[in-house]
Amino acid sequence: MKIVVTIVGKDRVGIIAKVSGVLAENNVNILSVNQNIMDGFFNMVLIAEMQDSQVKLKELQDILHKKGDEMGLEIKVQHQEIFNAMHSI
C-alpha cells in the first residue's frame, strides 16, 4: 500500500532525518519527497510504500502524530487513494 505523509510547521534542523528514521524503523520505503521552505515554514509531501512493513497504517499514523507533537509539527499520514480522492477536482 502506498501512503502520503504531509508535514507542515516551523523549519528546524532534523525534520527530514527524524521522519525518515521513523519510516526506516518501521520498514516503510520512501519513494518520493517534495519539500520546500518559505518564510521559515517547512512543508513536505512524501510518498512511501508500506508493502514490507509489519506496522498497520493506524499505528504509523499514531507514531508520526506523536513525533510531530514532539517537534511542533503537523504530520499526517493517509492512504494514497484517499489523499488523491480528497485533492482531485
N, C-alpha and C. Protein backbone atom coordinates (compact mmCIF):
# COMPACT_ATOMS: atom_id res chain seq x y z
N MET A 1 0.84 -1.17 0.00
CA MET A 1 0.00 0.00 0.00
C MET A 1 0.89 1.24 0.00
N LYS A 2 0.54 2.21 -0.83
CA LYS A 2 1.25 3.48 -0.85
C LYS A 2 0.56 4.46 0.08
N ILE A 3 1.38 5.29 0.74
CA ILE A 3 0.86 6.30 1.65
C ILE A 3 1.43 7.66 1.28
N VAL A 4 0.73 8.70 1.73
CA VAL A 4 1.20 10.07 1.57
C VAL A 4 1.39 10.64 2.97
N VAL A 5 2.58 11.15 3.23
CA VAL A 5 2.90 11.77 4.51
C VAL A 5 3.07 13.26 4.23
N THR A 6 2.32 14.10 4.95
CA THR A 6 2.47 15.54 4.81
C THR A 6 2.97 16.11 6.14
N ILE A 7 3.89 17.05 6.03
CA ILE A 7 4.49 17.66 7.21
C ILE A 7 4.48 19.17 7.01
N VAL A 8 3.96 19.88 8.01
CA VAL A 8 3.91 21.34 7.96
C VAL A 8 4.31 21.88 9.32
N GLY A 9 5.13 22.92 9.32
CA GLY A 9 5.49 23.55 10.58
C GLY A 9 6.67 24.47 10.44
N LYS A 10 7.08 25.05 11.53
CA LYS A 10 8.23 25.94 11.54
C LYS A 10 9.49 25.13 11.24
N ASP A 11 10.31 25.65 10.34
CA ASP A 11 11.52 24.94 9.94
C ASP A 11 12.49 24.82 11.11
N ARG A 12 13.15 23.67 11.17
CA ARG A 12 14.18 23.42 12.17
C ARG A 12 15.06 22.29 11.69
N VAL A 13 16.19 22.14 12.30
CA VAL A 13 17.14 21.10 11.93
C VAL A 13 16.57 19.73 12.28
N GLY A 14 16.71 18.76 11.36
CA GLY A 14 16.41 17.37 11.66
C GLY A 14 15.03 16.87 11.31
N ILE A 15 14.19 17.69 10.69
CA ILE A 15 12.83 17.23 10.38
C ILE A 15 12.86 16.01 9.47
N ILE A 16 13.54 16.13 8.35
CA ILE A 16 13.58 15.03 7.39
C ILE A 16 14.25 13.81 8.01
N ALA A 17 15.33 14.02 8.74
CA ALA A 17 16.05 12.90 9.37
C ALA A 17 15.16 12.14 10.35
N LYS A 18 14.43 12.86 11.18
CA LYS A 18 13.60 12.19 12.19
C LYS A 18 12.43 11.46 11.57
N VAL A 19 11.77 12.08 10.60
CA VAL A 19 10.63 11.42 9.96
C VAL A 19 11.10 10.21 9.15
N SER A 20 12.16 10.38 8.37
CA SER A 20 12.65 9.24 7.59
C SER A 20 13.17 8.14 8.50
N GLY A 21 13.70 8.50 9.67
CA GLY A 21 14.14 7.50 10.64
C GLY A 21 12.98 6.66 11.16
N VAL A 22 11.87 7.30 11.45
CA VAL A 22 10.67 6.56 11.90
C VAL A 22 10.21 5.61 10.79
N LEU A 23 10.21 6.09 9.56
CA LEU A 23 9.78 5.23 8.45
C LEU A 23 10.73 4.05 8.29
N ALA A 24 12.03 4.30 8.36
CA ALA A 24 13.02 3.22 8.22
C ALA A 24 12.87 2.19 9.34
N GLU A 25 12.66 2.66 10.58
CA GLU A 25 12.47 1.74 11.71
C GLU A 25 11.27 0.82 11.52
N ASN A 26 10.29 1.30 10.74
CA ASN A 26 9.07 0.52 10.51
C ASN A 26 9.03 -0.11 9.13
N ASN A 27 10.21 -0.17 8.47
CA ASN A 27 10.37 -0.82 7.17
C ASN A 27 9.43 -0.24 6.11
N VAL A 28 9.26 1.08 6.14
CA VAL A 28 8.45 1.80 5.15
C VAL A 28 9.42 2.44 4.17
N ASN A 29 9.27 2.15 2.88
CA ASN A 29 10.19 2.60 1.85
C ASN A 29 9.74 3.93 1.26
N ILE A 30 10.60 4.93 1.30
CA ILE A 30 10.30 6.24 0.72
C ILE A 30 10.50 6.18 -0.79
N LEU A 31 9.47 6.60 -1.52
CA LEU A 31 9.52 6.59 -2.98
C LEU A 31 9.78 7.97 -3.56
N SER A 32 9.24 9.00 -2.92
CA SER A 32 9.35 10.35 -3.46
C SER A 32 9.23 11.37 -2.33
N VAL A 33 10.01 12.44 -2.43
CA VAL A 33 9.97 13.52 -1.44
C VAL A 33 9.94 14.85 -2.18
N ASN A 34 9.02 15.71 -1.77
CA ASN A 34 8.96 17.06 -2.29
C ASN A 34 8.84 17.98 -1.09
N GLN A 35 9.80 18.86 -0.91
CA GLN A 35 9.77 19.75 0.26
C GLN A 35 10.23 21.14 -0.13
N ASN A 36 9.72 22.12 0.61
CA ASN A 36 10.19 23.49 0.43
C ASN A 36 10.07 24.23 1.75
N ILE A 37 10.77 25.34 1.79
CA ILE A 37 10.75 26.20 2.97
C ILE A 37 10.45 27.61 2.47
N MET A 38 9.39 28.20 3.02
CA MET A 38 9.01 29.56 2.65
C MET A 38 8.80 30.37 3.91
N ASP A 39 9.51 31.48 4.01
CA ASP A 39 9.39 32.38 5.16
C ASP A 39 9.53 31.64 6.49
N GLY A 40 10.43 30.66 6.52
CA GLY A 40 10.69 29.94 7.76
C GLY A 40 9.75 28.79 8.05
N PHE A 41 8.81 28.52 7.13
CA PHE A 41 7.88 27.40 7.32
C PHE A 41 8.25 26.25 6.40
N PHE A 42 8.31 25.08 6.99
CA PHE A 42 8.67 23.83 6.30
C PHE A 42 7.41 23.15 5.82
N ASN A 43 7.44 22.67 4.58
CA ASN A 43 6.31 21.94 4.00
C ASN A 43 6.87 20.78 3.19
N MET A 44 6.39 19.57 3.49
CA MET A 44 6.89 18.40 2.76
C MET A 44 5.75 17.44 2.47
N VAL A 45 5.80 16.86 1.27
CA VAL A 45 4.91 15.77 0.89
C VAL A 45 5.81 14.60 0.50
N LEU A 46 5.57 13.47 1.13
CA LEU A 46 6.39 12.29 0.94
C LEU A 46 5.48 11.13 0.55
N ILE A 47 5.86 10.40 -0.48
CA ILE A 47 5.11 9.21 -0.88
C ILE A 47 5.97 8.00 -0.51
N ALA A 48 5.34 7.02 0.12
CA ALA A 48 6.08 5.85 0.59
C ALA A 48 5.26 4.59 0.36
N GLU A 49 5.95 3.46 0.44
CA GLU A 49 5.35 2.14 0.24
C GLU A 49 5.45 1.34 1.53
N MET A 50 4.30 0.80 1.97
CA MET A 50 4.25 0.03 3.22
C MET A 50 4.22 -1.48 2.98
N GLN A 51 4.45 -1.91 1.78
CA GLN A 51 4.30 -3.32 1.41
C GLN A 51 5.07 -4.27 2.33
N ASP A 52 6.29 -3.91 2.70
CA ASP A 52 7.12 -4.80 3.51
C ASP A 52 7.07 -4.48 5.01
N SER A 53 6.22 -3.55 5.39
CA SER A 53 6.14 -3.14 6.79
C SER A 53 5.21 -4.05 7.58
N GLN A 54 5.56 -4.27 8.83
CA GLN A 54 4.72 -5.05 9.73
C GLN A 54 3.74 -4.15 10.49
N VAL A 55 3.97 -2.85 10.44
CA VAL A 55 3.12 -1.91 11.17
C VAL A 55 1.85 -1.62 10.34
N LYS A 56 0.76 -1.43 11.01
CA LYS A 56 -0.50 -1.07 10.36
C LYS A 56 -0.54 0.44 10.13
N LEU A 57 -1.35 0.88 9.18
CA LEU A 57 -1.46 2.29 8.86
C LEU A 57 -1.82 3.11 10.10
N LYS A 58 -2.79 2.68 10.88
CA LYS A 58 -3.23 3.41 12.07
C LYS A 58 -2.07 3.56 13.07
N GLU A 59 -1.29 2.50 13.24
CA GLU A 59 -0.14 2.57 14.15
C GLU A 59 0.88 3.60 13.67
N LEU A 60 1.16 3.60 12.37
CA LEU A 60 2.11 4.54 11.81
C LEU A 60 1.59 5.97 11.95
N GLN A 61 0.30 6.15 11.73
CA GLN A 61 -0.30 7.48 11.93
C GLN A 61 -0.08 7.96 13.36
N ASP A 62 -0.31 7.08 14.32
CA ASP A 62 -0.14 7.44 15.73
C ASP A 62 1.31 7.77 16.06
N ILE A 63 2.23 6.96 15.54
CA ILE A 63 3.66 7.17 15.80
C ILE A 63 4.11 8.52 15.25
N LEU A 64 3.72 8.81 14.00
CA LEU A 64 4.16 10.06 13.39
C LEU A 64 3.43 11.27 13.96
N HIS A 65 2.19 11.09 14.39
CA HIS A 65 1.47 12.19 15.05
C HIS A 65 2.19 12.57 16.35
N LYS A 66 2.59 11.55 17.09
CA LYS A 66 3.33 11.80 18.35
C LYS A 66 4.66 12.47 18.06
N LYS A 67 5.38 12.00 17.04
CA LYS A 67 6.66 12.61 16.67
C LYS A 67 6.44 14.06 16.27
N GLY A 68 5.36 14.34 15.54
CA GLY A 68 5.04 15.71 15.16
C GLY A 68 4.79 16.59 16.37
N ASP A 69 4.04 16.07 17.35
CA ASP A 69 3.78 16.83 18.57
C ASP A 69 5.09 17.16 19.29
N GLU A 70 6.01 16.20 19.34
CA GLU A 70 7.30 16.42 19.99
C GLU A 70 8.12 17.51 19.30
N MET A 71 7.95 17.63 17.98
CA MET A 71 8.74 18.57 17.20
C MET A 71 7.99 19.86 16.87
N GLY A 72 6.76 19.98 17.29
CA GLY A 72 5.98 21.16 16.98
C GLY A 72 5.54 21.22 15.52
N LEU A 73 5.28 20.05 14.94
CA LEU A 73 4.88 19.94 13.53
C LEU A 73 3.53 19.26 13.41
N GLU A 74 2.87 19.49 12.30
CA GLU A 74 1.67 18.73 11.97
C GLU A 74 2.08 17.68 10.95
N ILE A 75 1.96 16.41 11.34
CA ILE A 75 2.31 15.31 10.44
C ILE A 75 1.06 14.46 10.24
N LYS A 76 0.68 14.31 8.98
CA LYS A 76 -0.49 13.49 8.63
C LYS A 76 -0.05 12.36 7.71
N VAL A 77 -0.67 11.19 7.89
CA VAL A 77 -0.38 10.02 7.07
C VAL A 77 -1.71 9.52 6.53
N GLN A 78 -1.80 9.39 5.20
CA GLN A 78 -3.03 8.92 4.57
C GLN A 78 -2.72 7.86 3.52
N HIS A 79 -3.66 6.98 3.33
CA HIS A 79 -3.58 6.04 2.21
C HIS A 79 -3.57 6.88 0.94
N GLN A 80 -2.74 6.55 -0.02
CA GLN A 80 -2.60 7.37 -1.23
C GLN A 80 -3.92 7.56 -1.97
N GLU A 81 -4.74 6.53 -2.03
CA GLU A 81 -6.01 6.65 -2.75
C GLU A 81 -6.94 7.65 -2.08
N ILE A 82 -6.94 7.70 -0.76
CA ILE A 82 -7.77 8.67 -0.03
C ILE A 82 -7.22 10.08 -0.26
N PHE A 83 -5.90 10.23 -0.19
CA PHE A 83 -5.29 11.53 -0.45
C PHE A 83 -5.65 12.02 -1.85
N ASN A 84 -5.53 11.14 -2.84
CA ASN A 84 -5.84 11.53 -4.22
C ASN A 84 -7.30 11.92 -4.37
N ALA A 85 -8.20 11.18 -3.75
CA ALA A 85 -9.64 11.48 -3.84
C ALA A 85 -9.95 12.84 -3.20
N MET A 86 -9.30 13.13 -2.08
CA MET A 86 -9.54 14.39 -1.38
C MET A 86 -9.00 15.59 -2.15
N HIS A 87 -7.99 15.39 -3.00
CA HIS A 87 -7.35 16.50 -3.67
C HIS A 87 -7.59 16.51 -5.18
N SER A 88 -8.61 15.81 -5.63
CA SER A 88 -8.94 15.85 -7.07
C SER A 88 -10.10 16.82 -7.28
N ILE A 89 -10.16 17.35 -8.44
CA ILE A 89 -11.20 18.35 -8.77
C ILE A 89 -12.46 17.63 -9.23
